[in-house]
Structure formats: structure tokens, C-alpha cells
Amino acid sequence: MYSDKEIFKQAESDPTCLIIKDEITYAIINNGTRIERFDDGTYEYMNTSTSGDYYEPLSSECKMTIGSYGWALGTLKVKLVNNIYKLNRIEVAIKDEVNSRQNPKILTFLKRRREEVMEVYNTSVKKTKKLKSY
């Protein structure tokens, strides 16, 4: 199990991450997960991909995943969980549309969105397998 400090160090050394560093914030974002270090030495994990215009705190299960697997593999696993969540929401929306209005434009949009999320999911699965093999 990695500590928050070790995970932050891993994130700093990951070249694929977006680093946000100014006088107020020192945060790193990758695969829909944001880790922020505060001046008092505490760390906060946020989920950047399940909500709209704001970030939600990462669930304790996802924090445990990152703590167990490290930053690179852990954030990919969290990304897979987020994609499954998105696919479930799209599936519910498709069912609602089919059972109510049956608007072809909305159905086409939802099906296209489902395909896009499935592409991201499949890419993430491949990256996860690649990282596990190292």
C-alpha cells in the first residue's frame, strides 16, 4: 500500500500528467483523477470525470485502488470504473428514450456517445494490461 506522499511523487514523475502549480495550488491530473497537495501536508483526491462543471471527492474504494496499485495503474482502474458508470447512465437514457418519446436524433446521439465511451474504455483496458505486464 502506497502512502499519499509516495503516490504524489509517482504522479510528479509521470510524463503524461497535467501539473497545475501556482502560489495557491499544487495539483496533478491524469485519467480523470486529480491529486492536490496542500501546505499543511494533506492530500485530496478528486474525480474529474463523473460530474459536470465541478469535481467530486474520490470514493474510498477508488482511493484504496490508487493506494494499492500506485498512481499510473490506479488512475487507469479508476478511469475504467468511471467509464462503466457513464455507460450505465447512457444505457438508462437509451431505455428511457425508447420507452417514451422515441426521438431518432436523441437515440442516434446516445448510441454515438456509447460508442465513444466504449472506445475510451477499450483503450484504457489495453493500457492497463500493458502496465500490468511491466
C-alpha atoms as a PDB file:
ATOM      1  CA  MET A   1       0.000   0.000   0.000  1.00  0.00           C
ATOM      2  CA  TYR A   2       1.441   3.331  -1.091  1.00  0.00           C
ATOM      3  CA  SER A   3       1.214   6.441   1.082  1.00  0.00           C
ATOM      4  CA  ASP A   4      -0.250   9.685  -0.229  1.00  0.00           C
ATOM      5  CA  LYS A   5       3.225  11.181  -0.362  1.00  0.00           C
ATOM      6  CA  GLU A   6       4.561   8.280  -2.475  1.00  0.00           C
ATOM      7  CA  ILE A   7       1.581   8.494  -4.821  1.00  0.00           C
ATOM      8  CA  PHE A   8       2.151  12.224  -5.267  1.00  0.00           C
ATOM      9  CA  LYS A   9       5.833  11.574  -6.083  1.00  0.00           C
ATOM     10  CA  GLN A  10       4.775   8.964  -8.659  1.00  0.00           C
ATOM     11  CA  ALA A  11       2.346  11.462 -10.185  1.00  0.00           C
ATOM     12  CA  GLU A  12       5.044  14.156 -10.354  1.00  0.00           C
ATOM     13  CA  SER A  13       7.357  11.825 -12.266  1.00  0.00           C
ATOM     14  CA  ASP A  14       4.635  10.657 -14.692  1.00  0.00           C
ATOM     15  CA  PRO A  15       5.169  12.476 -18.028  1.00  0.00           C
ATOM     16  CA  THR A  16       1.528  12.003 -19.097  1.00  0.00           C
ATOM     17  CA  CYS A  17       0.135  14.073 -16.204  1.00  0.00           C
ATOM     18  CA  LEU A  18      -1.073  17.644 -16.237  1.00  0.00           C
ATOM     19  CA  ILE A  19       0.643  19.557 -13.431  1.00  0.00           C
ATOM     20  CA  ILE A  20      -1.050  22.657 -12.022  1.00  0.00           C
ATOM     21  CA  LYS A  21       1.379  24.633  -9.907  1.00  0.00           C
ATOM     22  CA  ASP A  22       0.923  28.187  -8.708  1.00  0.00           C
ATOM     23  CA  GLU A  23       1.062  30.104  -5.427  1.00  0.00           C
ATOM     24  CA  ILE A  24      -2.244  28.605  -4.252  1.00  0.00           C
ATOM     25  CA  THR A  25      -2.431  25.135  -5.770  1.00  0.00           C
ATOM     26  CA  TYR A  26      -0.168  22.211  -6.482  1.00  0.00           C
ATOM     27  CA  ALA A  27      -2.250  19.558  -8.194  1.00  0.00           C
ATOM     28  CA  ILE A  28      -1.737  16.796 -10.722  1.00  0.00           C
ATOM     29  CA  ILE A  29      -4.411  15.407 -13.046  1.00  0.00           C
ATOM     30  CA  ASN A  30      -4.348  12.179 -15.045  1.00  0.00           C
ATOM     31  CA  ASN A  31      -7.049   9.796 -16.318  1.00  0.00           C
ATOM     32  CA  GLY A  32      -9.842  11.744 -14.652  1.00  0.00           C
ATOM     33  CA  THR A  33      -8.208  11.758 -11.218  1.00  0.00           C
ATOM     34  CA  ARG A  34      -6.791  14.820  -9.510  1.00  0.00           C
ATOM     35  CA  ILE A  35      -4.488  14.739  -6.509  1.00  0.00           C
ATOM     36  CA  GLU A  36      -3.788  18.002  -4.723  1.00  0.00           C
ATOM     37  CA  ARG A  37      -1.185  18.665  -2.046  1.00  0.00           C
ATOM     38  CA  PHE A  38      -1.883  21.390   0.497  1.00  0.00           C
ATOM     39  CA  ASP A  39       0.598  23.439   2.519  1.00  0.00           C
ATOM     40  CA  ASP A  40      -0.252  21.562   5.724  1.00  0.00           C
ATOM     41  CA  GLY A  41       0.881  18.266   4.147  1.00  0.00           C
ATOM     42  CA  THR A  42      -2.574  16.844   3.481  1.00  0.00           C
ATOM     43  CA  TYR A  43      -3.668  15.407   0.158  1.00  0.00           C
ATOM     44  CA  GLU A  44      -7.038  15.448  -1.561  1.00  0.00           C
ATOM     45  CA  TYR A  45      -8.182  13.138  -4.345  1.00  0.00           C
ATOM     46  CA  MET A  46     -10.880  14.333  -6.732  1.00  0.00           C
ATOM     47  CA  ASN A  47     -12.805  12.676  -9.549  1.00  0.00           C
ATOM     48  CA  THR A  48     -12.863  14.994 -12.558  1.00  0.00           C
ATOM     49  CA  SER A  49     -14.965  12.942 -14.942  1.00  0.00           C
ATOM     50  CA  THR A  50     -18.250  11.927 -13.316  1.00  0.00           C
ATOM     51  CA  SER A  51     -19.688  15.370 -12.574  1.00  0.00           C
ATOM     52  CA  GLY A  52     -20.391  18.296 -14.809  1.00  0.00           C
ATOM     53  CA  ASP A  53     -18.638  21.559 -14.022  1.00  0.00           C
ATOM     54  CA  TYR A  54     -17.193  20.579 -10.647  1.00  0.00           C
ATOM     55  CA  TYR A  55     -15.002  17.869  -9.148  1.00  0.00           C
ATOM     56  CA  GLU A  56     -16.296  15.288  -6.690  1.00  0.00           C
ATOM     57  CA  PRO A  57     -14.188  13.762  -3.945  1.00  0.00           C
ATOM     58  CA  LEU A  58     -12.913  10.348  -4.966  1.00  0.00           C
ATOM     59  CA  SER A  59     -14.716   7.444  -3.323  1.00  0.00           C
ATOM     60  CA  SER A  60     -12.892   5.486  -0.647  1.00  0.00           C
ATOM     61  CA  GLU A  61     -12.837   2.403  -2.912  1.00  0.00           C
ATOM     62  CA  CYS A  62     -11.095   4.370  -5.657  1.00  0.00           C
ATOM     63  CA  LYS A  63      -8.606   5.815  -3.151  1.00  0.00           C
ATOM     64  CA  MET A  64      -7.837   2.271  -1.999  1.00  0.00           C
ATOM     65  CA  THR A  65      -7.328   1.233  -5.627  1.00  0.00           C
ATOM     66  CA  ILE A  66      -4.805   4.007  -6.209  1.00  0.00           C
ATOM     67  CA  GLY A  67      -3.129   3.221  -2.887  1.00  0.00           C
ATOM     68  CA  SER A  68      -2.839  -0.454  -3.812  1.00  0.00           C
ATOM     69  CA  TYR A  69      -1.713  -0.160  -7.430  1.00  0.00           C
ATOM     70  CA  GLY A  70       0.122   3.162  -7.446  1.00  0.00           C
ATOM     71  CA  TRP A  71      -0.609   6.286  -9.466  1.00  0.00           C
ATOM     72  CA  ALA A  72      -0.351   5.078 -13.082  1.00  0.00           C
ATOM     73  CA  LEU A  73      -2.229   1.788 -12.815  1.00  0.00           C
ATOM     74  CA  GLY A  74      -4.570   3.020 -10.083  1.00  0.00           C
ATOM     75  CA  THR A  75      -5.807   6.011 -12.084  1.00  0.00           C
ATOM     76  CA  LEU A  76      -6.381   3.773 -15.100  1.00  0.00           C
ATOM     77  CA  LYS A  77      -8.506   1.457 -12.968  1.00  0.00           C
ATOM     78  CA  VAL A  78     -10.466   4.458 -11.663  1.00  0.00           C
ATOM     79  CA  LYS A  79     -10.942   5.568 -15.273  1.00  0.00           C
ATOM     80  CA  LEU A  80     -12.415   2.145 -16.079  1.00  0.00           C
ATOM     81  CA  VAL A  81     -14.859   2.499 -13.157  1.00  0.00           C
ATOM     82  CA  ASN A  82     -15.834   5.976 -14.408  1.00  0.00           C
ATOM     83  CA  ASN A  83     -16.425   4.651 -17.922  1.00  0.00           C
ATOM     84  CA  ILE A  84     -18.653   1.857 -16.617  1.00  0.00           C
ATOM     85  CA  TYR A  85     -20.604   4.490 -14.667  1.00  0.00           C
ATOM     86  CA  LYS A  86     -21.003   6.581 -17.845  1.00  0.00           C
ATOM     87  CA  LEU A  87     -22.065   3.543 -19.875  1.00  0.00           C
ATOM     88  CA  ASN A  88     -24.731   2.686 -17.295  1.00  0.00           C
ATOM     89  CA  ARG A  89     -26.076   6.251 -17.406  1.00  0.00           C
ATOM     90  CA  ILE A  90     -26.187   6.173 -21.215  1.00  0.00           C
ATOM     91  CA  GLU A  91     -27.960   2.797 -21.139  1.00  0.00           C
ATOM     92  CA  VAL A  92     -30.640   4.161 -18.799  1.00  0.00           C
ATOM     93  CA  ALA A  93     -31.082   7.200 -21.059  1.00  0.00           C
ATOM     94  CA  ILE A  94     -31.468   4.953 -24.128  1.00  0.00           C
ATOM     95  CA  LYS A  95     -34.087   2.835 -22.351  1.00  0.00           C
ATOM     96  CA  ASP A  96     -35.990   5.943 -21.260  1.00  0.00           C
ATOM     97  CA  GLU A  97     -35.922   7.335 -24.786  1.00  0.00           C
ATOM     98  CA  VAL A  98     -37.064   4.078 -26.377  1.00  0.00           C
ATOM     99  CA  ASN A  99     -39.886   3.669 -23.856  1.00  0.00           C
ATOM    100  CA  SER A 100     -41.131   7.246 -24.058  1.00  0.00           C
ATOM    101  CA  ARG A 101     -40.518   9.756 -26.846  1.00  0.00           C
ATOM    102  CA  GLN A 102     -38.549   7.665 -29.358  1.00  0.00           C
ATOM    103  CA  ASN A 103     -36.832  10.732 -30.823  1.00  0.00           C
ATOM    104  CA  PRO A 104     -34.441   9.407 -33.512  1.00  0.00           C
ATOM    105  CA  LYS A 105     -31.977  12.301 -33.126  1.00  0.00           C
ATOM    106  CA  ILE A 106     -31.592  11.709 -29.399  1.00  0.00           C
ATOM    107  CA  LEU A 107     -31.283   7.949 -29.891  1.00  0.00           C
ATOM    108  CA  THR A 108     -28.590   8.467 -32.529  1.00  0.00           C
ATOM    109  CA  PHE A 109     -26.720  10.843 -30.227  1.00  0.00           C
ATOM    110  CA  LEU A 110     -26.893   8.415 -27.283  1.00  0.00           C
ATOM    111  CA  LYS A 111     -25.717   5.484 -29.401  1.00  0.00           C
ATOM    112  CA  ARG A 112     -22.812   7.535 -30.758  1.00  0.00           C
ATOM    113  CA  ARG A 113     -21.902   8.632 -27.235  1.00  0.00           C
ATOM    114  CA  ARG A 114     -21.985   4.999 -26.075  1.00  0.00           C
ATOM    115  CA  GLU A 115     -19.577   4.034 -28.877  1.00  0.00           C
ATOM    116  CA  GLU A 116     -17.202   6.871 -27.892  1.00  0.00           C
ATOM    117  CA  VAL A 117     -17.175   5.801 -24.248  1.00  0.00           C
ATOM    118  CA  MET A 118     -16.641   2.159 -25.283  1.00  0.00           C
ATOM    119  CA  GLU A 119     -13.615   3.221 -27.371  1.00  0.00           C
ATOM    120  CA  VAL A 120     -12.114   5.027 -24.376  1.00  0.00           C
ATOM    121  CA  TYR A 121     -12.892   2.020 -22.178  1.00  0.00           C
ATOM    122  CA  ASN A 122     -11.198  -0.408 -24.577  1.00  0.00           C
ATOM    123  CA  THR A 123      -8.144   1.843 -24.889  1.00  0.00           C
ATOM    124  CA  SER A 124      -7.905   2.019 -21.087  1.00  0.00           C
ATOM    125  CA  VAL A 125      -8.155  -1.773 -20.800  1.00  0.00           C
ATOM    126  CA  LYS A 126      -5.264  -2.141 -23.260  1.00  0.00           C
ATOM    127  CA  LYS A 127      -3.154   0.384 -21.322  1.00  0.00           C
ATOM    128  CA  THR A 128      -3.949  -1.409 -18.068  1.00  0.00           C
ATOM    129  CA  LYS A 129      -2.836  -4.749 -19.490  1.00  0.00           C
ATOM    130  CA  LYS A 130       0.317  -3.124 -20.829  1.00  0.00           C
ATOM    131  CA  LEU A 131       1.156  -1.602 -17.426  1.00  0.00           C
ATOM    132  CA  LYS A 132       0.448  -4.878 -15.606  1.00  0.00           C
ATOM    133  CA  SER A 133       2.918  -6.698 -17.836  1.00  0.00           C
ATOM    134  CA  TYR A 134       5.829  -4.475 -16.707  1.00  0.00           C
END
